[in-house]
Amino acid sequence: MNLVYFGVAPTYNTAPLLYPVNIDGITNDALYTNATIALNPDTGELVWYYQHLENDQWDLDWAFERQIVEIDVKVRNAKLSLIWVS
């Protein structure tokens, strides 16, 4: 796929995220400050991203590890649950 993945989680001032910004073209959604991104290493182009926590006013991004895995799974009738505790 020729992609390089990064977990982006810089420390930043979260105070501006508390209040809406009323300026055209400017948002306070903190996009890419708590995200996993995929870049094309040949061009540097941003190919894909996932923002884990939008408008992260608590700066929680350092608490979560990012793992991207590809798993072959045989599906059968079963129940699945996922628990996330922080």
N, C-alpha and C. Protein backbone atom coordinates (compact mmCIF):
# COMPACT_ATOMS: atom_id res chain seq x y z
N MET A 1 0.81 -1.20 0.00
CA MET A 1 0.00 0.00 0.00
C MET A 1 0.86 1.26 0.00
N ASN A 2 2.13 1.14 0.31
CA ASN A 2 3.05 2.28 0.28
C ASN A 2 2.57 3.43 1.16
N LEU A 3 2.30 3.13 2.41
CA LEU A 3 1.86 4.15 3.37
C LEU A 3 2.74 4.11 4.60
N VAL A 4 2.91 5.26 5.20
CA VAL A 4 3.60 5.38 6.49
C VAL A 4 2.58 5.92 7.48
N TYR A 5 2.45 5.23 8.62
CA TYR A 5 1.45 5.62 9.62
C TYR A 5 2.13 6.32 10.80
N PHE A 6 1.48 7.34 11.32
CA PHE A 6 1.97 8.07 12.48
C PHE A 6 0.83 8.25 13.47
N GLY A 7 1.13 8.13 14.74
CA GLY A 7 0.20 8.51 15.79
C GLY A 7 0.55 9.92 16.22
N VAL A 8 -0.31 10.87 15.90
CA VAL A 8 -0.04 12.28 16.18
C VAL A 8 -0.70 12.65 17.50
N ALA A 9 0.09 13.08 18.46
CA ALA A 9 -0.45 13.41 19.78
C ALA A 9 0.41 14.47 20.45
N PRO A 10 0.49 15.67 19.87
CA PRO A 10 1.32 16.70 20.47
C PRO A 10 0.67 17.30 21.71
N THR A 11 1.50 17.80 22.60
CA THR A 11 0.98 18.56 23.72
C THR A 11 0.62 19.95 23.21
N TYR A 12 -0.53 20.45 23.62
CA TYR A 12 -0.97 21.74 23.12
C TYR A 12 -1.85 22.43 24.16
N ASN A 13 -2.04 23.71 23.99
CA ASN A 13 -2.89 24.50 24.88
C ASN A 13 -4.34 24.18 24.54
N THR A 14 -5.07 23.56 25.46
CA THR A 14 -6.45 23.16 25.19
C THR A 14 -7.46 24.26 25.50
N ALA A 15 -7.05 25.35 26.11
CA ALA A 15 -7.98 26.42 26.47
C ALA A 15 -8.77 26.97 25.29
N PRO A 16 -8.16 27.18 24.11
CA PRO A 16 -8.94 27.70 22.98
C PRO A 16 -10.05 26.75 22.51
N LEU A 17 -9.98 25.47 22.88
CA LEU A 17 -10.99 24.52 22.45
C LEU A 17 -12.31 24.67 23.21
N LEU A 18 -12.29 25.40 24.30
CA LEU A 18 -13.48 25.52 25.14
C LEU A 18 -14.57 26.39 24.53
N TYR A 19 -14.19 27.31 23.68
CA TYR A 19 -15.16 28.30 23.17
C TYR A 19 -15.21 28.26 21.65
N PRO A 20 -16.40 28.40 21.07
CA PRO A 20 -16.51 28.42 19.61
C PRO A 20 -15.75 29.59 19.00
N VAL A 21 -15.23 29.37 17.81
CA VAL A 21 -14.53 30.43 17.08
C VAL A 21 -15.48 30.95 16.01
N ASN A 22 -15.71 32.24 15.99
CA ASN A 22 -16.63 32.84 15.02
C ASN A 22 -15.88 33.58 13.92
N ILE A 23 -14.85 32.94 13.39
CA ILE A 23 -14.07 33.52 12.30
C ILE A 23 -14.12 32.55 11.13
N ASP A 24 -14.50 33.04 9.95
CA ASP A 24 -14.59 32.18 8.78
C ASP A 24 -13.26 31.49 8.50
N GLY A 25 -13.33 30.19 8.25
CA GLY A 25 -12.14 29.42 7.90
C GLY A 25 -11.31 28.96 9.08
N ILE A 26 -11.69 29.32 10.30
CA ILE A 26 -10.95 28.90 11.49
C ILE A 26 -11.87 28.08 12.38
N THR A 27 -11.38 26.93 12.81
CA THR A 27 -12.16 26.08 13.72
C THR A 27 -11.31 25.77 14.94
N ASN A 28 -11.95 25.25 15.95
CA ASN A 28 -11.21 24.79 17.13
C ASN A 28 -11.44 23.30 17.35
N ASP A 29 -11.56 22.55 16.25
CA ASP A 29 -11.78 21.11 16.38
C ASP A 29 -10.50 20.33 16.64
N ALA A 30 -9.35 21.01 16.62
CA ALA A 30 -8.06 20.39 16.94
C ALA A 30 -7.76 19.19 16.05
N LEU A 31 -8.13 19.30 14.78
CA LEU A 31 -7.90 18.22 13.84
C LEU A 31 -6.41 17.91 13.74
N TYR A 32 -6.10 16.64 13.73
CA TYR A 32 -4.74 16.08 13.66
C TYR A 32 -3.96 16.22 14.97
N THR A 33 -4.54 16.71 16.04
CA THR A 33 -3.82 16.77 17.31
C THR A 33 -4.01 15.50 18.12
N ASN A 34 -4.97 14.69 17.77
CA ASN A 34 -5.21 13.42 18.44
C ASN A 34 -5.68 12.46 17.37
N ALA A 35 -4.76 12.04 16.50
CA ALA A 35 -5.16 11.29 15.32
C ALA A 35 -4.09 10.28 14.93
N THR A 36 -4.52 9.33 14.12
CA THR A 36 -3.60 8.46 13.41
C THR A 36 -3.69 8.87 11.95
N ILE A 37 -2.55 9.12 11.33
CA ILE A 37 -2.54 9.57 9.94
C ILE A 37 -1.70 8.62 9.10
N ALA A 38 -2.02 8.56 7.81
CA ALA A 38 -1.25 7.77 6.86
C ALA A 38 -0.77 8.71 5.76
N LEU A 39 0.53 8.68 5.51
CA LEU A 39 1.13 9.52 4.48
C LEU A 39 1.73 8.65 3.38
N ASN A 40 1.69 9.15 2.16
CA ASN A 40 2.40 8.52 1.07
C ASN A 40 3.86 8.95 1.21
N PRO A 41 4.79 8.01 1.44
CA PRO A 41 6.18 8.40 1.68
C PRO A 41 6.87 9.00 0.45
N ASP A 42 6.34 8.75 -0.74
CA ASP A 42 6.96 9.29 -1.95
C ASP A 42 6.59 10.75 -2.18
N THR A 43 5.36 11.13 -1.79
CA THR A 43 4.88 12.48 -2.07
C THR A 43 4.65 13.32 -0.82
N GLY A 44 4.53 12.66 0.34
CA GLY A 44 4.20 13.37 1.57
C GLY A 44 2.72 13.68 1.69
N GLU A 45 1.93 13.24 0.72
CA GLU A 45 0.49 13.51 0.70
C GLU A 45 -0.22 12.78 1.84
N LEU A 46 -1.13 13.49 2.50
CA LEU A 46 -1.99 12.87 3.51
C LEU A 46 -3.01 12.01 2.79
N VAL A 47 -2.97 10.70 3.03
CA VAL A 47 -3.85 9.76 2.34
C VAL A 47 -5.06 9.41 3.18
N TRP A 48 -4.87 9.33 4.49
CA TRP A 48 -5.92 8.84 5.37
C TRP A 48 -5.68 9.37 6.77
N TYR A 49 -6.75 9.61 7.53
CA TYR A 49 -6.59 9.96 8.94
C TYR A 49 -7.82 9.52 9.71
N TYR A 50 -7.62 9.33 10.99
CA TYR A 50 -8.73 9.06 11.90
C TYR A 50 -8.49 9.89 13.16
N GLN A 51 -9.42 10.75 13.48
CA GLN A 51 -9.31 11.57 14.70
C GLN A 51 -9.95 10.79 15.84
N HIS A 52 -9.14 10.40 16.81
CA HIS A 52 -9.61 9.54 17.90
C HIS A 52 -10.57 10.24 18.84
N LEU A 53 -10.34 11.49 19.13
CA LEU A 53 -11.21 12.23 20.04
C LEU A 53 -11.31 13.67 19.56
N GLU A 54 -12.44 14.00 18.97
CA GLU A 54 -12.65 15.35 18.44
C GLU A 54 -12.70 16.37 19.56
N ASN A 55 -12.11 17.54 19.32
CA ASN A 55 -12.13 18.64 20.29
C ASN A 55 -11.65 18.15 21.66
N ASP A 56 -10.47 17.59 21.69
CA ASP A 56 -9.91 16.94 22.89
C ASP A 56 -9.48 17.98 23.92
N GLN A 57 -10.44 18.47 24.69
CA GLN A 57 -10.17 19.50 25.70
C GLN A 57 -9.38 18.97 26.90
N TRP A 58 -9.34 17.66 27.08
CA TRP A 58 -8.63 17.08 28.23
C TRP A 58 -7.23 16.61 27.86
N ASP A 59 -6.84 16.77 26.60
CA ASP A 59 -5.52 16.35 26.11
C ASP A 59 -5.24 14.89 26.48
N LEU A 60 -6.19 14.01 26.16
CA LEU A 60 -6.09 12.59 26.51
C LEU A 60 -5.26 11.78 25.53
N ASP A 61 -4.74 12.39 24.49
CA ASP A 61 -4.12 11.63 23.42
C ASP A 61 -2.91 10.80 23.84
N TRP A 62 -2.19 11.20 24.83
CA TRP A 62 -1.01 10.43 25.23
C TRP A 62 -1.37 9.12 25.92
N ALA A 63 -2.60 8.98 26.36
CA ALA A 63 -3.00 7.80 27.14
C ALA A 63 -3.28 6.57 26.29
N PHE A 64 -3.41 6.73 24.99
CA PHE A 64 -3.86 5.61 24.17
C PHE A 64 -2.83 5.24 23.12
N GLU A 65 -2.45 3.97 23.09
CA GLU A 65 -1.52 3.48 22.08
C GLU A 65 -2.28 3.23 20.78
N ARG A 66 -1.60 3.39 19.67
CA ARG A 66 -2.21 3.14 18.37
C ARG A 66 -1.63 1.86 17.79
N GLN A 67 -2.50 0.97 17.40
CA GLN A 67 -2.06 -0.26 16.76
C GLN A 67 -2.89 -0.47 15.50
N ILE A 68 -2.22 -0.66 14.40
CA ILE A 68 -2.90 -0.97 13.16
C ILE A 68 -2.49 -2.39 12.80
N VAL A 69 -3.46 -3.26 12.74
CA VAL A 69 -3.18 -4.67 12.49
C VAL A 69 -4.09 -5.19 11.39
N GLU A 70 -3.60 -6.18 10.70
CA GLU A 70 -4.41 -6.88 9.71
C GLU A 70 -4.51 -8.33 10.16
N ILE A 71 -5.73 -8.80 10.38
CA ILE A 71 -5.94 -10.13 10.93
C ILE A 71 -6.92 -10.88 10.04
N ASP A 72 -6.57 -12.11 9.67
CA ASP A 72 -7.52 -12.98 8.98
C ASP A 72 -8.38 -13.66 10.04
N VAL A 73 -9.69 -13.54 9.88
CA VAL A 73 -10.62 -14.07 10.87
C VAL A 73 -11.62 -14.99 10.19
N LYS A 74 -11.83 -16.16 10.75
CA LYS A 74 -12.89 -17.04 10.28
C LYS A 74 -14.13 -16.71 11.09
N VAL A 75 -15.18 -16.33 10.39
CA VAL A 75 -16.40 -15.89 11.05
C VAL A 75 -17.32 -17.07 11.29
N ARG A 76 -17.91 -17.11 12.47
CA ARG A 76 -18.92 -18.11 12.80
C ARG A 76 -19.95 -17.44 13.69
N ASN A 77 -21.02 -18.10 13.97
CA ASN A 77 -22.05 -17.53 14.84
C ASN A 77 -21.49 -17.40 16.26
N ALA A 78 -21.28 -16.18 16.68
CA ALA A 78 -20.74 -15.94 18.01
C ALA A 78 -21.05 -14.50 18.41
N LYS A 79 -20.95 -14.23 19.69
CA LYS A 79 -21.13 -12.87 20.19
C LYS A 79 -19.75 -12.28 20.46
N LEU A 80 -19.63 -11.01 20.21
CA LEU A 80 -18.37 -10.32 20.42
C LEU A 80 -18.62 -9.06 21.22
N SER A 81 -17.76 -8.79 22.17
CA SER A 81 -17.89 -7.54 22.92
C SER A 81 -16.50 -6.92 23.07
N LEU A 82 -16.50 -5.62 23.20
CA LEU A 82 -15.26 -4.88 23.39
C LEU A 82 -15.48 -3.91 24.54
N ILE A 83 -14.58 -3.93 25.49
CA ILE A 83 -14.68 -3.03 26.65
C ILE A 83 -13.48 -2.11 26.63
N TRP A 84 -13.75 -0.82 26.77
CA TRP A 84 -12.69 0.18 26.80
C TRP A 84 -12.83 0.94 28.11
N VAL A 85 -11.83 0.85 28.95
CA VAL A 85 -11.87 1.51 30.25
C VAL A 85 -10.70 2.48 30.31
N SER A 86 -10.99 3.71 30.71
CA SER A 86 -9.90 4.66 30.87
C SER A 86 -10.08 5.42 32.16
